[in-house]
Amino acid sequence: MSSPSSRSILLAANEFSTQYEPSTATINEFCLQNTTGRKDSLEYFIKFPIPSTEMNFGLTNQNEEKNVPIVMLLGWAGCQDRYLMKYSKIYEERGLITVRYTAPIDTLFWKRSEMVPIGEKILKLIQDMNFDAHPIIFHIFSNGGAFLYQHINIAVVKYNCPLQVRGVIFDSAPGERRMLGLYRAITAIYGRDKRCNCFTAIFITLTLSLMWFVEESFAAFKNFFVKSTFVHASPFCELKNEANKFPQLFLYSKGDVVIPYKDVEKFIGLRRDQGIEVSSVRFEDAEHVKIYIKYPEQYVQSVCNFIKKCMAVADNRAKTVVDPCLVSRKHEGRSNFKYD
């Protein structure tokens, strides 16, 4: 792994490929850091598997054989990279490029305005690495990952830089904003610190709720005088009307106490009503963002089948025009599963 402190996060694609040319290793991993701005620099972990004839995703389009699909994994709030790495291995072992990133906790809770430049930096990274020429799958975890994905979409629209997104996988997301859910999330994130007891978690929850209320009230008041696009702080509210039409897979659990399964199913219904091709797998007793730990085989099978379908649909659309609404209705009613 290489993490040169003197390099910006926005390396040019040709400079990057020269420095990190594949060697005898099966997979190349490195870390890019931005040390020009925030004190806690942003870190992106990227792996380039060596192309193999044993790729499990059956790419039939010659252009896609050249431009290997990329899976961008956006971690949940407080996620450590060693946990996200377990998920990236699912794709790396099958010959796909992976990008791992988790937004800092303070930008998700305390300094949410800083999510805007983070989304723009990720988009710029994708462009500079020439990843916009590759098919992209987003794998999103919890509301933290969904909030980051929301800001990447905002950057795409703002700078008119479309990406070749083929599908989105939601793991334990998205959920509506509730104080109880926020309290449980705070407990899960800060609970590892013995100093964060029940009363501290309640205080943080109330403080954040009040702060967000004031921020959103001020933004709404300001909008009366200066017209601007209002950005919801809740990814549920923003993403339910997302303009993108690519397929989506939802992996969620009835045992999730942070993101209630009914929130996810409500979101699924809203997207399906808009003609989006939606697949979902409901598990019965897995904890929040721990579905893969509890049901590894079913989890891997679900995400791999979804990516295969996304790549196959994209290849078919290259040959003939397909109405996404017809595709959605064709698969509706037989794309939902559950594991007890």
Protein backbone atom coordinates (compact mmCIF):
# COMPACT_ATOMS: atom_id res chain seq x y z
CA MET A 1 0.00 0.00 0.00
CA SER A 2 1.26 3.44 -0.82
CA SER A 3 0.03 6.66 0.72
CA PRO A 4 2.31 9.48 -0.41
CA SER A 5 1.57 12.54 1.69
CA SER A 6 2.90 14.88 -1.01
CA ARG A 7 0.26 13.87 -3.58
CA SER A 8 -3.19 15.37 -3.95
CA ILE A 9 -6.21 13.14 -4.03
CA LEU A 10 -6.83 14.20 -7.65
CA LEU A 11 -4.12 12.30 -9.50
CA ALA A 12 -4.26 12.24 -13.26
CA ALA A 13 -5.13 8.87 -14.78
CA ASN A 14 -1.94 8.51 -16.84
CA GLU A 15 0.27 9.48 -13.89
CA PHE A 16 -1.58 7.03 -11.70
CA SER A 17 -1.39 4.08 -14.08
CA THR A 18 2.33 4.60 -14.56
CA GLN A 19 3.10 4.57 -10.85
CA TYR A 20 0.81 1.68 -9.96
CA GLU A 21 1.34 -0.65 -12.89
CA PRO A 22 0.26 -4.26 -12.13
CA SER A 23 3.01 -6.49 -10.84
CA THR A 24 3.14 -10.14 -9.83
CA ALA A 25 0.63 -9.53 -7.03
CA THR A 26 -2.90 -10.71 -7.58
CA ILE A 27 -4.41 -7.42 -6.40
CA ASN A 28 -2.88 -3.95 -6.11
CA GLU A 29 -4.10 -1.79 -3.24
CA PHE A 30 -3.19 1.74 -2.37
CA CYS A 31 -4.45 4.70 -0.44
CA LEU A 32 -4.81 8.24 -1.75
CA GLN A 33 -4.82 11.10 0.71
CA ASN A 34 -5.72 14.75 0.46
CA THR A 35 -3.55 16.67 2.90
CA THR A 36 -4.21 20.12 1.46
CA GLY A 37 -7.46 20.84 3.29
CA ARG A 38 -9.05 19.15 6.26
CA LYS A 39 -6.97 18.09 9.19
CA ASP A 40 -8.47 14.60 9.01
CA SER A 41 -7.55 13.99 5.36
CA LEU A 42 -9.85 12.03 3.10
CA GLU A 43 -8.65 8.53 2.27
CA TYR A 44 -9.74 6.43 -0.69
CA PHE A 45 -8.76 2.78 -0.82
CA ILE A 46 -8.68 1.37 -4.34
CA LYS A 47 -7.88 -2.11 -5.59
CA PHE A 48 -7.01 -3.07 -9.15
CA PRO A 49 -7.29 -6.83 -9.69
CA ILE A 50 -5.26 -8.25 -12.55
CA PRO A 51 -7.65 -9.15 -15.41
CA SER A 52 -8.50 -12.84 -15.35
CA THR A 53 -10.22 -15.19 -17.77
CA GLU A 54 -12.19 -16.49 -14.78
CA MET A 55 -14.28 -13.37 -14.27
CA ASN A 56 -17.68 -14.34 -12.92
CA PHE A 57 -19.74 -11.59 -14.52
CA GLY A 58 -19.81 -12.81 -18.11
CA LEU A 59 -19.08 -9.54 -19.91
CA THR A 60 -20.09 -9.90 -23.54
CA ASN A 61 -19.59 -6.30 -24.62
CA GLN A 62 -16.03 -5.84 -25.89
CA ASN A 63 -15.89 -2.30 -24.52
CA GLU A 64 -16.80 -3.58 -21.03
CA GLU A 65 -14.16 -6.30 -21.26
CA LYS A 66 -11.65 -3.48 -21.70
CA ASN A 67 -13.22 -1.18 -19.09
CA VAL A 68 -13.67 -3.47 -16.11
CA PRO A 69 -16.69 -2.62 -13.93
CA ILE A 70 -16.00 -0.61 -10.79
CA VAL A 71 -17.79 -1.10 -7.47
CA MET A 72 -17.77 1.98 -5.24
CA LEU A 73 -18.42 1.05 -1.61
CA LEU A 74 -19.67 3.92 0.57
CA GLY A 75 -19.44 2.98 4.25
CA TRP A 76 -21.83 3.68 7.10
CA ALA A 77 -21.19 6.34 9.74
CA GLY A 78 -18.27 5.28 11.91
CA CYS A 79 -17.30 2.41 9.61
CA GLN A 80 -13.65 1.39 9.76
CA ASP A 81 -12.01 0.40 6.50
CA ARG A 82 -11.14 -3.06 7.79
CA TYR A 83 -14.87 -3.79 7.90
CA LEU A 84 -15.56 -2.34 4.46
CA MET A 85 -12.65 -4.35 3.09
CA LYS A 86 -14.55 -7.59 3.77
CA TYR A 87 -17.25 -6.47 1.37
CA SER A 88 -14.83 -5.28 -1.30
CA LYS A 89 -13.23 -8.72 -1.40
CA ILE A 90 -16.51 -10.12 -2.75
CA TYR A 91 -15.91 -8.15 -5.93
CA GLU A 92 -12.12 -8.24 -6.04
CA GLU A 93 -12.14 -12.04 -6.03
CA ARG A 94 -14.33 -11.84 -9.12
CA GLY A 95 -12.04 -9.51 -11.03
CA LEU A 96 -13.70 -6.14 -10.43
CA ILE A 97 -12.07 -2.85 -9.43
CA THR A 98 -13.19 -1.53 -6.04
CA VAL A 99 -13.13 1.90 -4.41
CA ARG A 100 -13.77 2.17 -0.67
CA TYR A 101 -14.60 5.37 1.14
CA THR A 102 -16.39 6.35 4.34
CA ALA A 103 -17.28 9.96 5.11
CA PRO A 104 -15.93 11.29 8.45
CA ILE A 105 -18.43 11.19 11.30
CA ASP A 106 -18.30 14.94 11.90
CA THR A 107 -19.30 15.70 8.30
CA LEU A 108 -22.29 13.36 8.59
CA PHE A 109 -23.50 14.85 11.88
CA TRP A 110 -21.85 18.10 12.93
CA LYS A 111 -20.53 19.72 9.73
CA ARG A 112 -22.91 18.50 7.08
CA SER A 113 -22.13 21.39 4.72
CA GLU A 114 -18.72 19.80 4.16
CA MET A 115 -20.41 16.86 2.45
CA VAL A 116 -20.83 19.07 -0.64
CA PRO A 117 -17.09 19.36 -1.42
CA ILE A 118 -16.57 15.70 -0.51
CA GLY A 119 -19.13 14.67 -3.14
CA GLU A 120 -17.41 16.93 -5.68
CA LYS A 121 -13.97 15.52 -4.86
CA ILE A 122 -15.17 11.97 -5.35
CA LEU A 123 -16.64 12.93 -8.73
CA LYS A 124 -13.37 14.63 -9.67
CA LEU A 125 -11.44 11.55 -8.61
CA ILE A 126 -13.64 9.36 -10.81
CA GLN A 127 -12.92 11.63 -13.76
CA ASP A 128 -9.19 11.95 -13.19
CA MET A 129 -8.83 8.20 -12.83
CA ASN A 130 -10.81 7.75 -16.06
CA PHE A 131 -13.34 5.70 -14.09
CA ASP A 132 -16.17 7.52 -15.86
CA ALA A 133 -15.35 5.33 -18.88
CA HIS A 134 -16.12 2.21 -16.82
CA PRO A 135 -19.47 0.73 -15.78
CA ILE A 136 -20.04 1.69 -12.12
CA ILE A 137 -21.99 -0.05 -9.37
CA PHE A 138 -22.57 1.80 -6.09
CA HIS A 139 -22.75 -0.33 -2.93
CA ILE A 140 -24.19 1.85 -0.17
CA PHE A 141 -24.35 1.12 3.55
CA SER A 142 -26.88 2.71 5.91
CA ASN A 143 -27.91 6.36 5.82
CA GLY A 144 -24.29 7.48 6.09
CA GLY A 145 -23.43 5.91 2.75
CA ALA A 146 -26.74 7.05 1.25
CA PHE A 147 -26.06 10.66 2.34
CA LEU A 148 -22.68 10.55 0.59
CA TYR A 149 -24.22 9.00 -2.52
CA GLN A 150 -26.79 11.80 -2.49
CA HIS A 151 -24.02 14.42 -2.66
CA ILE A 152 -22.18 12.58 -5.43
CA ASN A 153 -25.42 12.77 -7.43
CA ILE A 154 -25.70 16.48 -6.68
CA ALA A 155 -22.16 17.01 -7.98
CA VAL A 156 -22.93 15.01 -11.14
CA VAL A 157 -25.93 17.25 -11.88
CA LYS A 158 -24.13 20.46 -10.92
CA TYR A 159 -21.17 19.87 -13.23
CA ASN A 160 -23.09 17.93 -15.89
CA CYS A 161 -20.71 14.98 -15.69
CA PRO A 162 -22.78 11.83 -16.22
CA LEU A 163 -21.37 8.52 -15.04
CA GLN A 164 -21.97 5.05 -16.47
CA VAL A 165 -23.83 3.85 -13.40
CA ARG A 166 -25.38 0.43 -14.01
CA GLY A 167 -26.98 -0.15 -10.61
CA VAL A 168 -27.11 0.69 -6.91
CA ILE A 169 -27.05 -1.72 -3.95
CA PHE A 170 -28.53 -0.45 -0.67
CA ASP A 171 -27.51 -2.34 2.47
CA SER A 172 -29.66 -1.42 5.51
CA ALA A 173 -30.82 1.82 3.89
CA PRO A 174 -32.36 4.26 3.44
CA GLY A 175 -34.44 5.16 6.46
CA GLU A 176 -36.45 8.15 7.53
CA ARG A 177 -34.95 10.43 10.16
CA ARG A 178 -36.19 9.73 13.68
CA MET A 179 -34.85 10.65 17.09
CA LEU A 180 -34.95 7.04 18.26
CA GLY A 181 -33.04 5.87 15.19
CA LEU A 182 -30.52 8.68 15.67
CA TYR A 183 -30.07 7.73 19.32
CA ARG A 184 -29.40 4.10 18.40
CA ALA A 185 -26.97 5.16 15.68
CA ILE A 186 -25.11 7.43 18.14
CA THR A 187 -24.98 4.59 20.66
CA ALA A 188 -23.59 2.20 18.03
CA ILE A 189 -20.98 4.70 16.81
CA TYR A 190 -19.80 6.19 20.09
CA GLY A 191 -20.72 3.25 22.30
CA ARG A 192 -17.24 1.77 21.87
CA ASP A 193 -15.99 4.64 24.00
CA LYS A 194 -16.68 3.86 27.66
CA ARG A 195 -17.12 7.57 28.33
CA CYS A 196 -20.22 7.61 26.10
CA ASN A 197 -22.97 6.32 28.36
CA CYS A 198 -26.71 6.47 27.94
CA PHE A 199 -27.02 10.08 29.13
CA THR A 200 -24.22 11.25 26.84
CA ALA A 201 -25.89 9.58 23.86
CA ILE A 202 -29.21 11.25 24.75
CA PHE A 203 -27.48 14.64 25.04
CA ILE A 204 -25.79 14.22 21.64
CA THR A 205 -29.08 13.13 20.06
CA LEU A 206 -30.98 16.14 21.40
CA THR A 207 -28.19 18.53 20.45
CA LEU A 208 -28.01 17.24 16.88
CA SER A 209 -31.80 17.29 16.50
CA LEU A 210 -31.99 20.91 17.68
CA MET A 211 -29.02 21.95 15.54
CA TRP A 212 -30.48 20.32 12.41
CA PHE A 213 -33.87 21.94 13.06
CA VAL A 214 -32.28 25.40 13.28
CA GLU A 215 -30.16 24.79 10.15
CA GLU A 216 -33.12 23.64 8.07
CA SER A 217 -35.40 26.39 9.35
CA PHE A 218 -32.80 29.01 8.43
CA ALA A 219 -32.30 27.44 4.99
CA ALA A 220 -36.08 27.46 4.38
CA PHE A 221 -36.33 31.10 5.51
CA LYS A 222 -33.39 32.12 3.33
CA ASN A 223 -35.00 30.41 0.34
CA PHE A 224 -37.82 32.97 0.44
CA PHE A 225 -35.35 35.69 -0.54
CA VAL A 226 -32.68 33.80 -2.47
CA LYS A 227 -34.10 31.01 -4.57
CA SER A 228 -31.93 27.90 -4.50
CA THR A 229 -32.29 24.16 -4.75
CA PHE A 230 -33.18 22.79 -1.34
CA VAL A 231 -31.10 19.76 -0.32
CA HIS A 232 -32.79 17.45 2.15
CA ALA A 233 -30.66 16.38 5.09
CA SER A 234 -32.41 13.02 4.98
CA PRO A 235 -31.27 10.77 2.11
CA PHE A 236 -34.69 9.10 2.24
CA CYS A 237 -36.41 12.35 1.23
CA GLU A 238 -33.83 13.23 -1.42
CA LEU A 239 -33.30 9.84 -3.05
CA LYS A 240 -36.97 8.81 -3.23
CA ASN A 241 -37.34 11.24 -6.16
CA GLU A 242 -33.91 10.60 -7.68
CA ALA A 243 -34.02 11.14 -11.45
CA ASN A 244 -31.70 8.23 -12.23
CA LYS A 245 -33.43 5.17 -13.66
CA PHE A 246 -30.87 2.41 -13.22
CA PRO A 247 -31.77 -0.81 -11.29
CA GLN A 248 -31.60 -0.91 -7.50
CA LEU A 249 -31.14 -3.78 -5.03
CA PHE A 250 -32.19 -3.48 -1.39
CA LEU A 251 -30.78 -5.77 1.30
CA TYR A 252 -32.48 -5.19 4.64
CA SER A 253 -33.58 -6.95 7.80
CA LYS A 254 -36.56 -7.06 10.14
CA GLY A 255 -34.06 -7.28 12.98
CA ASP A 256 -32.57 -3.85 12.18
CA VAL A 257 -33.36 -1.44 15.03
CA VAL A 258 -31.54 1.54 13.46
CA ILE A 259 -33.27 1.55 10.05
CA PRO A 260 -36.75 -0.03 10.39
CA TYR A 261 -37.52 -2.48 7.62
CA LYS A 262 -40.82 -0.72 6.96
CA ASP A 263 -38.88 2.42 5.96
CA VAL A 264 -36.95 0.44 3.36
CA GLU A 265 -40.11 -1.21 2.06
CA LYS A 266 -41.82 2.18 1.83
CA PHE A 267 -38.87 3.49 -0.17
CA ILE A 268 -38.95 0.41 -2.42
CA GLY A 269 -42.63 1.05 -3.15
CA LEU A 270 -41.99 4.69 -4.02
CA ARG A 271 -39.18 3.82 -6.44
CA ARG A 272 -41.15 1.00 -8.03
CA ASP A 273 -44.09 3.34 -8.59
CA GLN A 274 -41.71 5.57 -10.57
CA GLY A 275 -40.90 2.72 -12.94
CA ILE A 276 -37.52 1.79 -11.46
CA GLU A 277 -36.45 -1.85 -11.73
CA VAL A 278 -36.24 -2.82 -8.07
CA SER A 279 -35.04 -6.05 -6.46
CA SER A 280 -35.10 -6.69 -2.73
CA VAL A 281 -34.01 -9.35 -0.28
CA ARG A 282 -35.42 -9.23 3.24
CA PHE A 283 -33.72 -11.06 6.08
CA GLU A 284 -35.45 -11.81 9.36
CA ASP A 285 -32.98 -11.41 12.22
CA ALA A 286 -29.76 -9.74 11.04
CA GLU A 287 -28.58 -6.61 12.85
CA HIS A 288 -27.92 -3.25 11.22
CA VAL A 289 -25.25 -3.54 8.44
CA LYS A 290 -24.48 -7.09 9.63
CA ILE A 291 -26.45 -9.05 7.05
CA TYR A 292 -23.28 -10.31 5.37
CA ILE A 293 -21.94 -11.58 8.70
CA LYS A 294 -25.14 -13.51 9.44
CA TYR A 295 -25.93 -14.73 5.92
CA PRO A 296 -22.70 -14.65 3.86
CA GLU A 297 -23.74 -17.09 1.13
CA GLN A 298 -27.13 -15.49 0.48
CA TYR A 299 -25.56 -12.02 0.57
CA VAL A 300 -22.86 -12.85 -1.99
CA GLN A 301 -25.36 -14.63 -4.23
CA SER A 302 -27.71 -11.63 -4.14
CA VAL A 303 -25.15 -8.97 -5.02
CA CYS A 304 -23.46 -11.08 -7.71
CA ASN A 305 -26.74 -11.98 -9.39
CA PHE A 306 -27.75 -8.33 -9.32
CA ILE A 307 -24.53 -7.16 -10.98
CA LYS A 308 -24.79 -9.88 -13.62
CA LYS A 309 -28.32 -8.73 -14.37
CA CYS A 310 -27.26 -5.07 -14.54
CA MET A 311 -24.46 -5.85 -16.98
CA ALA A 312 -26.72 -8.07 -19.08
CA VAL A 313 -29.44 -5.41 -19.26
CA ALA A 314 -26.87 -2.80 -20.28
CA ASP A 315 -25.56 -5.09 -23.02
CA ASN A 316 -29.07 -5.73 -24.31
CA ARG A 317 -29.82 -2.01 -24.37
CA ALA A 318 -26.75 -1.51 -26.51
CA LYS A 319 -28.33 -3.82 -29.08
CA THR A 320 -31.95 -2.74 -28.85
CA VAL A 321 -34.01 -0.07 -27.13
CA VAL A 322 -35.61 -1.28 -23.95
CA ASP A 323 -38.30 0.57 -22.06
CA PRO A 324 -37.21 0.55 -18.38
CA CYS A 325 -40.85 0.66 -17.28
CA LEU A 326 -41.55 -2.56 -19.17
CA VAL A 327 -38.50 -4.18 -17.62
CA SER A 328 -39.68 -3.10 -14.17
CA ARG A 329 -43.16 -4.53 -14.68
CA LYS A 330 -41.71 -7.73 -16.09
CA HIS A 331 -39.68 -8.42 -12.98
CA GLU A 332 -42.11 -7.00 -10.45
CA GLY A 333 -43.54 -9.61 -8.14
CA ARG A 334 -40.73 -12.09 -8.56
CA SER A 335 -37.70 -10.06 -7.45
CA ASN A 336 -38.44 -10.06 -3.74
CA PHE A 337 -37.02 -12.72 -1.46
CA LYS A 338 -36.58 -13.25 2.24
CA TYR A 339 -34.37 -15.43 4.40
CA ASP A 340 -35.47 -16.68 7.79
